[in-house]
Amino acid sequence: MNRITQFLKSQSSHKIYLIPIFIVIVILISSIIASSLDTTPSQTAGMGRTINVSEQDLKEDYGIVVDFIGVTPMMIGTGEVIDVEMRIINYEKAMKLLGNPDIGPKLITQKPNAMPMSPEKEMKTTMMYEYMFPNMGNLVQPGDKLRILIGDVQIGPFIAK
């Protein structure tokens, strides 16, 4: 009986070390699954992954040129907006990106915990699109890096003026 008791004690002490290992494995698997389901705007838009597009690709593939992104004062005492002006140089190509009125542009800053911004006002002509985004709390300052997200296409970065 003494040998059996000694054997059981020696075996149970080894199994105690398996519990923390098991917990670590469960945590690792959970974090891998959670990161694959992450749908933050900087990584995804809608259901697919974002496509990063340079200014040159925007011009060649979508017929759009971003003429201005910057902080603009509104009327006296009403604060500032972030003004985004896009010129259409090829209407047919541009409509691939801008043609769906349900998918408006969003502005993404590289500031921590900043959510994508939707335009407060927009003005469109055949060859010019202008969007005005609220600059709540002066979040965006001249010199900040900004990206434009339209559907699953992310454009930039641009330096705010």
N, C-alpha and C. Protein backbone atom coordinates (compact mmCIF):
# COMPACT_ATOMS: atom_id res chain seq x y z
N MET A 1 0.82 -1.18 0.00
CA MET A 1 0.00 0.00 0.00
C MET A 1 0.87 1.25 0.00
N ASN A 2 1.99 1.20 0.66
CA ASN A 2 2.89 2.33 0.76
C ASN A 2 3.43 2.72 -0.61
N ARG A 3 3.76 1.73 -1.46
CA ARG A 3 4.27 2.01 -2.79
C ARG A 3 3.19 2.63 -3.67
N ILE A 4 1.98 2.18 -3.54
CA ILE A 4 0.87 2.72 -4.32
C ILE A 4 0.63 4.18 -3.93
N THR A 5 0.65 4.51 -2.67
CA THR A 5 0.44 5.88 -2.19
C THR A 5 1.56 6.78 -2.70
N GLN A 6 2.80 6.29 -2.62
CA GLN A 6 3.92 7.09 -3.12
C GLN A 6 3.80 7.32 -4.63
N PHE A 7 3.38 6.31 -5.36
CA PHE A 7 3.21 6.44 -6.81
C PHE A 7 2.14 7.48 -7.15
N LEU A 8 0.99 7.40 -6.45
CA LEU A 8 -0.09 8.35 -6.70
C LEU A 8 0.32 9.79 -6.37
N LYS A 9 1.04 9.97 -5.29
CA LYS A 9 1.50 11.31 -4.93
C LYS A 9 2.45 11.86 -5.98
N SER A 10 3.36 11.02 -6.46
CA SER A 10 4.32 11.49 -7.46
C SER A 10 3.61 11.83 -8.78
N GLN A 11 2.58 11.09 -9.17
CA GLN A 11 1.86 11.33 -10.40
C GLN A 11 0.98 12.58 -10.32
N SER A 12 0.34 12.79 -9.20
CA SER A 12 -0.58 13.94 -9.07
C SER A 12 0.19 15.26 -9.07
N SER A 13 1.41 15.27 -8.55
CA SER A 13 2.18 16.51 -8.54
C SER A 13 2.59 16.92 -9.96
N HIS A 14 2.80 15.97 -10.86
CA HIS A 14 3.14 16.27 -12.24
C HIS A 14 1.93 16.81 -12.99
N LYS A 15 0.75 16.35 -12.68
CA LYS A 15 -0.45 16.78 -13.38
C LYS A 15 -0.84 18.21 -13.00
N ILE A 16 -0.45 18.67 -11.85
CA ILE A 16 -0.76 20.03 -11.42
C ILE A 16 -0.10 21.03 -12.37
N TYR A 17 1.06 20.70 -12.91
CA TYR A 17 1.74 21.59 -13.83
C TYR A 17 1.03 21.67 -15.19
N LEU A 18 0.19 20.72 -15.51
CA LEU A 18 -0.52 20.73 -16.78
C LEU A 18 -1.65 21.76 -16.80
N ILE A 19 -2.21 22.09 -15.65
CA ILE A 19 -3.33 23.03 -15.60
C ILE A 19 -2.92 24.41 -16.12
N PRO A 20 -1.83 25.02 -15.65
CA PRO A 20 -1.45 26.33 -16.21
C PRO A 20 -1.12 26.26 -17.71
N ILE A 21 -0.51 25.17 -18.13
CA ILE A 21 -0.20 25.02 -19.55
C ILE A 21 -1.49 24.96 -20.36
N PHE A 22 -2.46 24.24 -19.89
CA PHE A 22 -3.76 24.15 -20.55
C PHE A 22 -4.42 25.52 -20.62
N ILE A 23 -4.37 26.30 -19.56
CA ILE A 23 -4.97 27.64 -19.52
C ILE A 23 -4.28 28.56 -20.54
N VAL A 24 -2.97 28.50 -20.62
CA VAL A 24 -2.22 29.32 -21.58
C VAL A 24 -2.62 28.94 -23.01
N ILE A 25 -2.75 27.66 -23.29
CA ILE A 25 -3.14 27.21 -24.63
C ILE A 25 -4.53 27.73 -24.98
N VAL A 26 -5.47 27.66 -24.06
CA VAL A 26 -6.83 28.15 -24.30
C VAL A 26 -6.82 29.65 -24.57
N ILE A 27 -6.03 30.40 -23.81
CA ILE A 27 -5.94 31.86 -24.02
C ILE A 27 -5.35 32.17 -25.39
N LEU A 28 -4.29 31.47 -25.78
CA LEU A 28 -3.68 31.70 -27.09
C LEU A 28 -4.65 31.41 -28.22
N ILE A 29 -5.36 30.31 -28.14
CA ILE A 29 -6.33 29.96 -29.18
C ILE A 29 -7.44 31.00 -29.23
N SER A 30 -7.92 31.44 -28.07
CA SER A 30 -8.97 32.46 -28.03
C SER A 30 -8.51 33.77 -28.65
N SER A 31 -7.28 34.17 -28.37
CA SER A 31 -6.80 35.44 -28.92
C SER A 31 -6.59 35.34 -30.43
N ILE A 32 -6.18 34.20 -30.93
CA ILE A 32 -6.03 34.02 -32.37
C ILE A 32 -7.39 34.10 -33.06
N ILE A 33 -8.36 33.46 -32.49
CA ILE A 33 -9.72 33.51 -33.05
C ILE A 33 -10.27 34.92 -33.00
N ALA A 34 -10.09 35.60 -31.87
CA ALA A 34 -10.59 36.97 -31.72
C ALA A 34 -9.93 37.92 -32.71
N SER A 35 -8.64 37.79 -32.93
CA SER A 35 -7.97 38.70 -33.87
C SER A 35 -8.40 38.43 -35.30
N SER A 36 -8.75 37.20 -35.63
CA SER A 36 -9.23 36.93 -36.99
C SER A 36 -10.63 37.47 -37.21
N LEU A 37 -11.38 37.68 -36.14
CA LEU A 37 -12.73 38.24 -36.25
C LEU A 37 -12.76 39.75 -36.08
N ASP A 38 -11.61 40.37 -35.84
CA ASP A 38 -11.52 41.81 -35.63
C ASP A 38 -11.98 42.55 -36.87
N THR A 39 -12.92 43.48 -36.71
CA THR A 39 -13.45 44.24 -37.84
C THR A 39 -13.29 45.73 -37.64
N THR A 40 -12.18 46.16 -37.09
CA THR A 40 -11.96 47.59 -36.92
C THR A 40 -11.83 48.26 -38.28
N PRO A 41 -12.27 49.51 -38.40
CA PRO A 41 -12.25 50.17 -39.69
C PRO A 41 -10.87 50.27 -40.31
N SER A 42 -9.84 50.31 -39.53
CA SER A 42 -8.51 50.41 -40.11
C SER A 42 -8.11 49.13 -40.82
N GLN A 43 -8.77 48.03 -40.51
CA GLN A 43 -8.44 46.78 -41.16
C GLN A 43 -9.48 46.33 -42.17
N THR A 44 -10.75 46.59 -41.89
CA THR A 44 -11.78 46.12 -42.80
C THR A 44 -12.82 47.19 -43.02
N ALA A 45 -13.53 47.04 -44.08
CA ALA A 45 -14.67 47.90 -44.35
C ALA A 45 -15.74 46.99 -44.92
N GLY A 46 -16.88 47.01 -44.36
CA GLY A 46 -17.92 46.10 -44.80
C GLY A 46 -17.50 44.68 -44.47
N MET A 47 -17.59 43.80 -45.44
CA MET A 47 -17.29 42.41 -45.17
C MET A 47 -15.90 42.00 -45.66
N GLY A 48 -15.27 42.80 -46.52
CA GLY A 48 -13.97 42.39 -47.06
C GLY A 48 -12.84 43.21 -46.48
N ARG A 49 -11.64 42.86 -46.85
CA ARG A 49 -10.46 43.58 -46.41
C ARG A 49 -10.32 44.86 -47.22
N THR A 50 -9.70 45.86 -46.62
CA THR A 50 -9.51 47.11 -47.34
C THR A 50 -8.41 46.97 -48.38
N ILE A 51 -8.55 47.77 -49.41
CA ILE A 51 -7.57 47.86 -50.48
C ILE A 51 -6.88 49.20 -50.30
N ASN A 52 -5.60 49.20 -50.06
CA ASN A 52 -4.84 50.45 -49.90
C ASN A 52 -4.46 50.97 -51.28
N VAL A 53 -4.81 52.24 -51.51
CA VAL A 53 -4.59 52.85 -52.81
C VAL A 53 -3.77 54.12 -52.61
N SER A 54 -2.75 54.28 -53.43
CA SER A 54 -1.93 55.50 -53.39
C SER A 54 -2.62 56.60 -54.18
N GLU A 55 -2.12 57.82 -54.06
CA GLU A 55 -2.68 58.93 -54.84
C GLU A 55 -2.54 58.66 -56.34
N GLN A 56 -1.41 58.09 -56.73
CA GLN A 56 -1.19 57.80 -58.15
C GLN A 56 -2.18 56.75 -58.65
N ASP A 57 -2.40 55.68 -57.86
CA ASP A 57 -3.37 54.65 -58.24
C ASP A 57 -4.78 55.21 -58.27
N LEU A 58 -5.08 56.12 -57.36
CA LEU A 58 -6.41 56.75 -57.34
C LEU A 58 -6.65 57.49 -58.65
N LYS A 59 -5.63 58.17 -59.11
CA LYS A 59 -5.75 58.92 -60.36
C LYS A 59 -5.87 57.98 -61.56
N GLU A 60 -5.01 56.96 -61.61
CA GLU A 60 -5.00 56.05 -62.77
C GLU A 60 -6.18 55.09 -62.79
N ASP A 61 -6.50 54.48 -61.64
CA ASP A 61 -7.53 53.44 -61.59
C ASP A 61 -8.95 53.98 -61.42
N TYR A 62 -9.07 55.13 -60.73
CA TYR A 62 -10.40 55.65 -60.42
C TYR A 62 -10.65 57.04 -61.00
N GLY A 63 -9.71 57.63 -61.68
CA GLY A 63 -9.92 58.92 -62.31
C GLY A 63 -10.23 60.05 -61.34
N ILE A 64 -9.61 60.01 -60.15
CA ILE A 64 -9.86 61.01 -59.11
C ILE A 64 -8.53 61.58 -58.62
N VAL A 65 -8.52 62.88 -58.39
CA VAL A 65 -7.36 63.56 -57.80
C VAL A 65 -7.84 64.26 -56.55
N VAL A 66 -7.15 64.04 -55.43
CA VAL A 66 -7.46 64.76 -54.20
C VAL A 66 -6.68 66.07 -54.26
N ASP A 67 -7.43 67.18 -54.40
CA ASP A 67 -6.80 68.49 -54.52
C ASP A 67 -6.47 69.11 -53.16
N PHE A 68 -7.27 68.80 -52.14
CA PHE A 68 -7.07 69.47 -50.86
C PHE A 68 -7.65 68.64 -49.72
N ILE A 69 -6.89 68.51 -48.65
CA ILE A 69 -7.38 68.01 -47.36
C ILE A 69 -6.76 68.92 -46.32
N GLY A 70 -7.63 69.59 -45.58
CA GLY A 70 -7.09 70.49 -44.58
C GLY A 70 -8.13 71.00 -43.62
N VAL A 71 -7.64 71.61 -42.56
CA VAL A 71 -8.49 72.19 -41.52
C VAL A 71 -8.87 73.59 -41.99
N THR A 72 -10.16 73.84 -42.06
CA THR A 72 -10.67 75.11 -42.56
C THR A 72 -11.59 75.75 -41.53
N PRO A 73 -11.37 77.01 -41.20
CA PRO A 73 -12.30 77.66 -40.26
C PRO A 73 -13.65 77.91 -40.92
N MET A 74 -14.68 77.71 -40.15
CA MET A 74 -16.03 78.04 -40.62
C MET A 74 -16.29 79.49 -40.28
N MET A 75 -17.54 79.89 -40.27
CA MET A 75 -17.87 81.27 -39.91
C MET A 75 -17.38 81.55 -38.50
N ILE A 76 -17.20 82.79 -38.17
CA ILE A 76 -16.66 83.20 -36.88
C ILE A 76 -17.44 82.55 -35.75
N GLY A 77 -16.71 81.89 -34.87
CA GLY A 77 -17.31 81.30 -33.68
C GLY A 77 -17.95 79.94 -33.86
N THR A 78 -17.95 79.39 -35.08
CA THR A 78 -18.59 78.09 -35.28
C THR A 78 -17.59 76.95 -35.39
N GLY A 79 -16.31 77.23 -35.19
CA GLY A 79 -15.32 76.16 -35.19
C GLY A 79 -14.70 75.90 -36.54
N GLU A 80 -14.14 74.69 -36.67
CA GLU A 80 -13.42 74.31 -37.87
C GLU A 80 -14.00 73.02 -38.44
N VAL A 81 -13.77 72.82 -39.72
CA VAL A 81 -14.10 71.57 -40.38
C VAL A 81 -12.86 71.06 -41.09
N ILE A 82 -12.90 69.79 -41.44
CA ILE A 82 -11.84 69.21 -42.26
C ILE A 82 -12.42 69.14 -43.66
N ASP A 83 -11.82 69.87 -44.55
CA ASP A 83 -12.32 70.01 -45.92
C ASP A 83 -11.57 69.03 -46.80
N VAL A 84 -12.30 68.21 -47.57
CA VAL A 84 -11.71 67.27 -48.51
C VAL A 84 -12.28 67.60 -49.89
N GLU A 85 -11.40 67.93 -50.82
CA GLU A 85 -11.82 68.28 -52.17
C GLU A 85 -11.21 67.30 -53.17
N MET A 86 -12.09 66.65 -53.94
CA MET A 86 -11.65 65.68 -54.94
C MET A 86 -12.11 66.13 -56.32
N ARG A 87 -11.19 66.11 -57.27
CA ARG A 87 -11.50 66.50 -58.65
C ARG A 87 -11.64 65.23 -59.48
N ILE A 88 -12.69 65.17 -60.28
CA ILE A 88 -12.94 64.02 -61.14
C ILE A 88 -12.29 64.30 -62.50
N ILE A 89 -11.38 63.43 -62.91
CA ILE A 89 -10.75 63.60 -64.21
C ILE A 89 -11.24 62.56 -65.21
N ASN A 90 -11.87 61.49 -64.71
CA ASN A 90 -12.50 60.48 -65.57
C ASN A 90 -13.76 60.02 -64.86
N TYR A 91 -14.89 60.53 -65.34
CA TYR A 91 -16.16 60.30 -64.65
C TYR A 91 -16.53 58.81 -64.56
N GLU A 92 -16.34 58.08 -65.64
CA GLU A 92 -16.69 56.65 -65.65
C GLU A 92 -15.88 55.87 -64.62
N LYS A 93 -14.57 56.11 -64.58
CA LYS A 93 -13.73 55.43 -63.60
C LYS A 93 -14.09 55.86 -62.18
N ALA A 94 -14.36 57.14 -61.98
CA ALA A 94 -14.68 57.66 -60.65
C ALA A 94 -15.96 57.04 -60.09
N MET A 95 -16.91 56.75 -60.95
CA MET A 95 -18.18 56.20 -60.48
C MET A 95 -18.03 54.77 -59.95
N LYS A 96 -16.93 54.09 -60.29
CA LYS A 96 -16.65 52.78 -59.69
C LYS A 96 -16.46 52.94 -58.18
N LEU A 97 -15.92 54.08 -57.78
CA LEU A 97 -15.65 54.33 -56.36
C LEU A 97 -16.73 55.20 -55.71
N LEU A 98 -17.17 56.23 -56.42
CA LEU A 98 -18.10 57.20 -55.83
C LEU A 98 -19.55 57.01 -56.26
N GLY A 99 -19.82 56.02 -57.10
CA GLY A 99 -21.14 55.86 -57.67
C GLY A 99 -22.24 55.37 -56.74
N ASN A 100 -21.89 54.75 -55.63
CA ASN A 100 -22.90 54.23 -54.71
C ASN A 100 -23.17 55.27 -53.62
N PRO A 101 -24.34 55.90 -53.63
CA PRO A 101 -24.62 56.94 -52.64
C PRO A 101 -24.73 56.41 -51.21
N ASP A 102 -24.90 55.10 -51.06
CA ASP A 102 -25.00 54.51 -49.72
C ASP A 102 -23.63 54.33 -49.06
N ILE A 103 -22.58 54.43 -49.86
CA ILE A 103 -21.22 54.26 -49.32
C ILE A 103 -20.49 55.58 -49.44
N GLY A 104 -20.68 56.43 -48.46
CA GLY A 104 -20.00 57.72 -48.46
C GLY A 104 -18.60 57.59 -47.91
N PRO A 105 -17.79 58.60 -48.13
CA PRO A 105 -16.42 58.55 -47.63
C PRO A 105 -16.36 58.72 -46.12
N LYS A 106 -15.34 58.17 -45.53
CA LYS A 106 -15.05 58.36 -44.11
C LYS A 106 -13.61 58.85 -44.04
N LEU A 107 -13.34 59.63 -43.02
CA LEU A 107 -12.00 60.16 -42.81
C LEU A 107 -11.40 59.46 -41.60
N ILE A 108 -10.19 58.94 -41.77
CA ILE A 108 -9.53 58.19 -40.70
C ILE A 108 -8.28 58.95 -40.28
N THR A 109 -8.18 59.22 -38.99
CA THR A 109 -6.97 59.85 -38.46
C THR A 109 -6.09 58.77 -37.86
N GLN A 110 -4.84 59.09 -37.62
CA GLN A 110 -3.94 58.13 -36.99
C GLN A 110 -3.80 58.40 -35.51
N LYS A 111 -4.75 59.12 -34.95
CA LYS A 111 -4.73 59.41 -33.52
C LYS A 111 -5.30 58.21 -32.77
N PRO A 112 -4.78 57.91 -31.58
CA PRO A 112 -5.29 56.77 -30.83
C PRO A 112 -6.76 56.97 -30.46
N ASN A 113 -7.51 55.90 -30.54
CA ASN A 113 -8.93 55.83 -30.16
C ASN A 113 -9.83 56.73 -30.99
N ALA A 114 -9.38 57.23 -32.12
CA ALA A 114 -10.22 58.08 -32.97
C ALA A 114 -11.04 57.20 -33.91
N MET A 115 -12.33 57.46 -33.95
CA MET A 115 -13.22 56.71 -34.83
C MET A 115 -13.24 57.36 -36.22
N PRO A 116 -13.53 56.58 -37.26
CA PRO A 116 -13.67 57.18 -38.60
C PRO A 116 -14.78 58.24 -38.57
N MET A 117 -14.55 59.33 -39.29
CA MET A 117 -15.51 60.43 -39.31
C MET A 117 -16.32 60.40 -40.60
N SER A 118 -17.60 60.70 -40.48
CA SER A 118 -18.48 60.83 -41.64
C SER A 118 -18.65 62.30 -41.97
N PRO A 119 -18.88 62.64 -43.24
CA PRO A 119 -19.03 64.05 -43.59
C PRO A 119 -20.30 64.64 -43.01
N GLU A 120 -20.19 65.91 -42.64
CA GLU A 120 -21.33 66.66 -42.12
C GLU A 120 -22.07 67.31 -43.27
N LYS A 121 -21.33 67.65 -44.31
CA LYS A 121 -21.90 68.33 -45.46
C LYS A 121 -21.13 67.89 -46.70
N GLU A 122 -21.82 67.80 -47.82
CA GLU A 122 -21.13 67.48 -49.06
C GLU A 122 -21.73 68.30 -50.20
N MET A 123 -20.87 68.66 -51.11
CA MET A 123 -21.28 69.38 -52.32
C MET A 123 -20.67 68.64 -53.50
N LYS A 124 -21.54 68.33 -54.48
CA LYS A 124 -21.07 67.57 -55.63
C LYS A 124 -21.47 68.26 -56.92
N THR A 125 -20.53 68.29 -57.84
CA THR A 125 -20.82 68.67 -59.21
C THR A 125 -20.32 67.51 -60.07
N THR A 126 -20.45 67.64 -61.33
CA THR A 126 -20.00 66.56 -62.21
C THR A 126 -18.51 66.28 -62.06
N MET A 127 -17.72 67.33 -61.87
CA MET A 127 -16.27 67.16 -61.87
C MET A 127 -15.60 67.47 -60.53
N MET A 128 -16.37 67.80 -59.50
CA MET A 128 -15.77 68.15 -58.20
C MET A 128 -16.66 67.62 -57.08
N TYR A 129 -16.03 66.93 -56.12
CA TYR A 129 -16.73 66.47 -54.92
C TYR A 129 -16.03 67.12 -53.73
N GLU A 130 -16.82 67.75 -52.86
CA GLU A 130 -16.26 68.36 -51.67
C GLU A 130 -17.02 67.84 -50.45
N TYR A 131 -16.27 67.41 -49.46
CA TYR A 131 -16.84 66.88 -48.22
C TYR A 131 -16.30 67.69 -47.05
N MET A 132 -17.17 67.99 -46.11
CA MET A 132 -16.76 68.71 -44.91
C MET A 132 -17.05 67.82 -43.70
N PHE A 133 -15.99 67.51 -42.98
CA PHE A 133 -16.07 66.65 -41.81
C PHE A 133 -15.95 67.51 -40.56
N PRO A 134 -16.75 67.23 -39.53
CA PRO A 134 -16.62 68.01 -38.29
C PRO A 134 -15.27 67.75 -37.64
N ASN A 135 -14.68 68.78 -37.10
CA ASN A 135 -13.39 68.65 -36.42
C ASN A 135 -13.64 68.85 -34.92
N MET A 136 -14.35 67.91 -34.34
CA MET A 136 -14.75 67.99 -32.93
C MET A 136 -13.52 68.06 -32.03
N GLY A 137 -13.49 69.06 -31.16
CA GLY A 137 -12.38 69.19 -30.22
C GLY A 137 -11.06 69.44 -30.90
N ASN A 138 -11.09 69.95 -32.14
CA ASN A 138 -9.87 70.20 -32.91
C ASN A 138 -8.99 68.96 -32.96
N LEU A 139 -9.62 67.81 -33.18
CA LEU A 139 -8.91 66.54 -33.24
C LEU A 139 -7.81 66.55 -34.30
N VAL A 140 -8.13 67.10 -35.46
CA VAL A 140 -7.17 67.13 -36.57
C VAL A 140 -6.53 68.51 -36.63
N GLN A 141 -5.22 68.51 -36.73
CA GLN A 141 -4.43 69.74 -36.83
C GLN A 141 -3.64 69.69 -38.14
N PRO A 142 -3.27 70.86 -38.69
CA PRO A 142 -2.40 70.84 -39.87
C PRO A 142 -1.14 70.02 -39.59
N GLY A 143 -0.78 69.18 -40.56
CA GLY A 143 0.39 68.30 -40.41
C GLY A 143 0.03 66.88 -40.02
N ASP A 144 -1.22 66.65 -39.55
CA ASP A 144 -1.65 65.30 -39.20
C ASP A 144 -1.83 64.45 -40.45
N LYS A 145 -1.60 63.15 -40.30
CA LYS A 145 -1.81 62.21 -41.40
C LYS A 145 -3.27 61.73 -41.39
N LEU A 146 -3.89 61.75 -42.56
CA LEU A 146 -5.28 61.33 -42.71
C LEU A 146 -5.39 60.35 -43.88
N ARG A 147 -6.39 59.49 -43.80
CA ARG A 147 -6.71 58.57 -44.89
C ARG A 147 -8.19 58.73 -45.20
N ILE A 148 -8.55 58.49 -46.45
CA ILE A 148 -9.95 58.51 -46.87
C ILE A 148 -10.35 57.06 -47.10
N LEU A 149 -11.49 56.67 -46.55
CA LEU A 149 -12.03 55.32 -46.73
C LEU A 149 -13.35 55.43 -47.46
N ILE A 150 -13.43 54.80 -48.63
CA ILE A 150 -14.67 54.75 -49.39
C ILE A 150 -14.94 53.29 -49.69
N GLY A 151 -15.98 52.74 -49.06
CA GLY A 151 -16.26 51.31 -49.20
C GLY A 151 -15.09 50.52 -48.66
N ASP A 152 -14.47 49.71 -49.51
CA ASP A 152 -13.32 48.92 -49.07
C ASP A 152 -12.00 49.47 -49.61
N VAL A 153 -12.04 50.70 -50.12
CA VAL A 153 -10.84 51.35 -50.66
C VAL A 153 -10.36 52.41 -49.68
N GLN A 154 -9.11 52.27 -49.24
CA GLN A 154 -8.50 53.23 -48.33
C GLN A 154 -7.41 53.98 -49.08
N ILE A 155 -7.52 55.31 -49.09
CA ILE A 155 -6.64 56.15 -49.89
C ILE A 155 -5.74 56.97 -48.97
N GLY A 156 -4.50 57.09 -49.34
CA GLY A 156 -3.60 57.95 -48.56
C GLY A 156 -2.39 57.18 -48.10
N PRO A 157 -1.68 57.77 -47.16
CA PRO A 157 -2.04 58.88 -46.29
C PRO A 157 -1.82 60.25 -46.95
N PHE A 158 -2.58 61.22 -46.44
CA PHE A 158 -2.45 62.61 -46.84
C PHE A 158 -2.03 63.41 -45.61
N ILE A 159 -1.34 64.49 -45.84
CA ILE A 159 -0.95 65.40 -44.76
C ILE A 159 -1.96 66.56 -44.76
N ALA A 160 -2.64 66.74 -43.64
CA ALA A 160 -3.63 67.83 -43.54
C ALA A 160 -2.92 69.17 -43.62
N LYS A 161 -3.52 70.08 -44.35
CA LYS A 161 -2.98 71.45 -44.47
C LYS A 161 -3.67 72.35 -43.50
